[in-house]
N, C-alpha and C. Protein backbone atom coordinates (compact mmCIF):
# COMPACT_ATOMS: atom_id res chain seq x y z
N UNK A 1 27.77 53.89 114.21
CA UNK A 1 28.30 53.26 115.40
C UNK A 1 27.52 51.96 115.63
N UNK A 2 28.25 50.91 115.95
CA UNK A 2 27.57 49.63 116.18
C UNK A 2 27.02 49.57 117.60
N UNK A 3 26.10 48.65 117.81
CA UNK A 3 25.50 48.50 119.14
C UNK A 3 26.52 48.11 120.19
N UNK A 4 27.50 47.28 119.83
CA UNK A 4 28.48 46.86 120.83
C UNK A 4 29.33 48.04 121.30
N UNK A 5 29.65 48.97 120.42
CA UNK A 5 30.40 50.16 120.81
C UNK A 5 29.59 51.03 121.76
N UNK A 6 28.31 51.12 121.50
CA UNK A 6 27.42 51.90 122.37
C UNK A 6 27.41 51.32 123.78
N UNK A 7 27.26 50.00 123.89
CA UNK A 7 27.21 49.36 125.21
C UNK A 7 28.54 49.44 125.95
N UNK A 8 29.63 49.34 125.23
CA UNK A 8 30.95 49.47 125.86
C UNK A 8 31.13 50.88 126.39
N UNK A 9 30.73 51.88 125.63
CA UNK A 9 30.83 53.27 126.07
C UNK A 9 29.95 53.56 127.27
N UNK A 10 28.74 53.02 127.25
CA UNK A 10 27.80 53.23 128.36
C UNK A 10 28.33 52.56 129.63
N UNK A 11 28.88 51.36 129.49
CA UNK A 11 29.46 50.65 130.63
C UNK A 11 30.68 51.36 131.19
N UNK A 12 31.51 51.89 130.30
CA UNK A 12 32.68 52.65 130.74
C UNK A 12 32.26 53.90 131.51
N UNK A 13 31.25 54.58 131.02
CA UNK A 13 30.73 55.76 131.72
C UNK A 13 30.23 55.39 133.11
N UNK A 14 29.59 54.24 133.25
CA UNK A 14 29.10 53.79 134.55
C UNK A 14 30.25 53.57 135.52
N UNK A 15 31.33 52.98 135.03
CA UNK A 15 32.50 52.76 135.89
C UNK A 15 33.16 54.08 136.29
N UNK A 16 33.23 55.01 135.36
CA UNK A 16 33.78 56.33 135.68
C UNK A 16 32.92 57.03 136.72
N UNK A 17 31.61 56.93 136.57
CA UNK A 17 30.70 57.55 137.54
C UNK A 17 30.85 56.91 138.92
N UNK A 18 31.07 55.60 138.97
CA UNK A 18 31.28 54.93 140.25
C UNK A 18 32.52 55.50 140.94
N UNK A 19 33.58 55.72 140.18
CA UNK A 19 34.79 56.31 140.74
C UNK A 19 34.57 57.74 141.22
N UNK A 20 33.84 58.51 140.44
CA UNK A 20 33.51 59.89 140.85
C UNK A 20 32.70 59.90 142.14
N UNK A 21 31.73 59.00 142.22
CA UNK A 21 30.88 58.94 143.41
C UNK A 21 31.69 58.54 144.63
N UNK A 22 32.58 57.57 144.50
CA UNK A 22 33.41 57.16 145.63
C UNK A 22 34.32 58.30 146.08
N UNK A 23 34.79 59.08 145.14
CA UNK A 23 35.62 60.22 145.47
C UNK A 23 34.87 61.28 146.27
N UNK A 24 33.55 61.28 146.15
CA UNK A 24 32.72 62.22 146.90
C UNK A 24 32.10 61.57 148.14
N UNK A 25 32.56 60.36 148.49
CA UNK A 25 32.09 59.69 149.69
C UNK A 25 30.75 59.00 149.53
N UNK A 26 30.36 58.70 148.32
CA UNK A 26 29.08 58.03 148.06
C UNK A 26 29.34 56.61 147.60
N UNK A 27 28.31 55.81 147.56
CA UNK A 27 28.42 54.40 147.17
C UNK A 27 28.69 54.28 145.67
N UNK A 28 29.82 53.69 145.34
CA UNK A 28 30.16 53.49 143.94
C UNK A 28 29.23 52.51 143.25
N UNK A 29 28.85 51.44 143.95
CA UNK A 29 27.98 50.43 143.37
C UNK A 29 26.61 51.01 143.04
N UNK A 30 26.05 51.76 143.96
CA UNK A 30 24.73 52.36 143.73
C UNK A 30 24.78 53.30 142.54
N UNK A 31 25.82 54.14 142.48
CA UNK A 31 25.91 55.10 141.39
C UNK A 31 26.25 54.44 140.07
N UNK A 32 26.95 53.30 140.12
CA UNK A 32 27.20 52.55 138.89
C UNK A 32 25.88 52.04 138.32
N UNK A 33 25.02 51.53 139.18
CA UNK A 33 23.72 51.03 138.73
C UNK A 33 22.82 52.17 138.23
N UNK A 34 22.85 53.29 138.95
CA UNK A 34 22.07 54.45 138.50
C UNK A 34 22.57 54.91 137.14
N UNK A 35 23.89 54.87 136.96
CA UNK A 35 24.48 55.30 135.69
C UNK A 35 24.09 54.39 134.53
N UNK A 36 23.89 53.12 134.81
CA UNK A 36 23.45 52.22 133.75
C UNK A 36 22.07 52.63 133.23
N UNK A 37 21.27 53.23 134.11
CA UNK A 37 19.93 53.67 133.71
C UNK A 37 19.93 55.09 133.13
N UNK A 38 20.69 55.99 133.75
CA UNK A 38 20.60 57.40 133.39
C UNK A 38 21.77 57.92 132.55
N UNK A 39 22.88 57.22 132.56
CA UNK A 39 24.04 57.60 131.75
C UNK A 39 24.59 58.98 132.10
N UNK A 40 24.69 59.86 131.12
CA UNK A 40 25.29 61.18 131.34
C UNK A 40 24.54 62.05 132.35
N UNK A 41 23.26 61.80 132.53
CA UNK A 41 22.50 62.55 133.53
C UNK A 41 23.03 62.24 134.92
N UNK A 42 23.40 60.97 135.16
CA UNK A 42 23.98 60.58 136.45
C UNK A 42 25.31 61.30 136.67
N UNK A 43 26.11 61.43 135.64
CA UNK A 43 27.38 62.16 135.75
C UNK A 43 27.12 63.59 136.19
N UNK A 44 26.15 64.21 135.58
CA UNK A 44 25.79 65.59 135.93
C UNK A 44 25.36 65.68 137.39
N UNK A 45 24.56 64.73 137.84
CA UNK A 45 24.10 64.73 139.23
C UNK A 45 25.25 64.54 140.22
N UNK A 46 26.16 63.64 139.89
CA UNK A 46 27.31 63.41 140.77
C UNK A 46 28.15 64.68 140.90
N UNK A 47 28.35 65.36 139.80
CA UNK A 47 29.14 66.59 139.82
C UNK A 47 28.46 67.66 140.66
N UNK A 48 27.14 67.74 140.60
CA UNK A 48 26.41 68.76 141.35
C UNK A 48 26.31 68.47 142.85
N UNK A 49 26.27 67.20 143.22
CA UNK A 49 26.09 66.84 144.63
C UNK A 49 27.33 67.20 145.46
N UNK A 50 27.06 67.63 146.68
CA UNK A 50 28.15 67.95 147.60
C UNK A 50 28.81 66.69 148.12
N UNK A 51 30.04 66.84 148.56
CA UNK A 51 30.78 65.73 149.16
C UNK A 51 30.11 65.34 150.47
N UNK A 52 30.07 64.03 150.76
CA UNK A 52 29.50 63.53 152.01
C UNK A 52 30.58 63.57 153.07
N UNK A 53 30.30 64.26 154.15
CA UNK A 53 31.25 64.34 155.26
C UNK A 53 30.96 63.23 156.26
N UNK A 54 31.96 62.46 156.60
CA UNK A 54 31.82 61.38 157.57
C UNK A 54 32.34 61.86 158.90
N UNK A 55 31.50 61.76 159.93
CA UNK A 55 31.90 62.22 161.27
C UNK A 55 32.77 61.23 161.96
């Protein structure tokens, strides 16, 4: 696998995580940045976290 494919995949995962986070009421931008650092670990954390309830 070339380096460019790796970076495209990692960036795509970050965007997917941002969407998942927004679906749970969390900041998509923050989770996108966290995902750039942690990758699949961030996905796991998003899945485990409870939905944020807005009063």
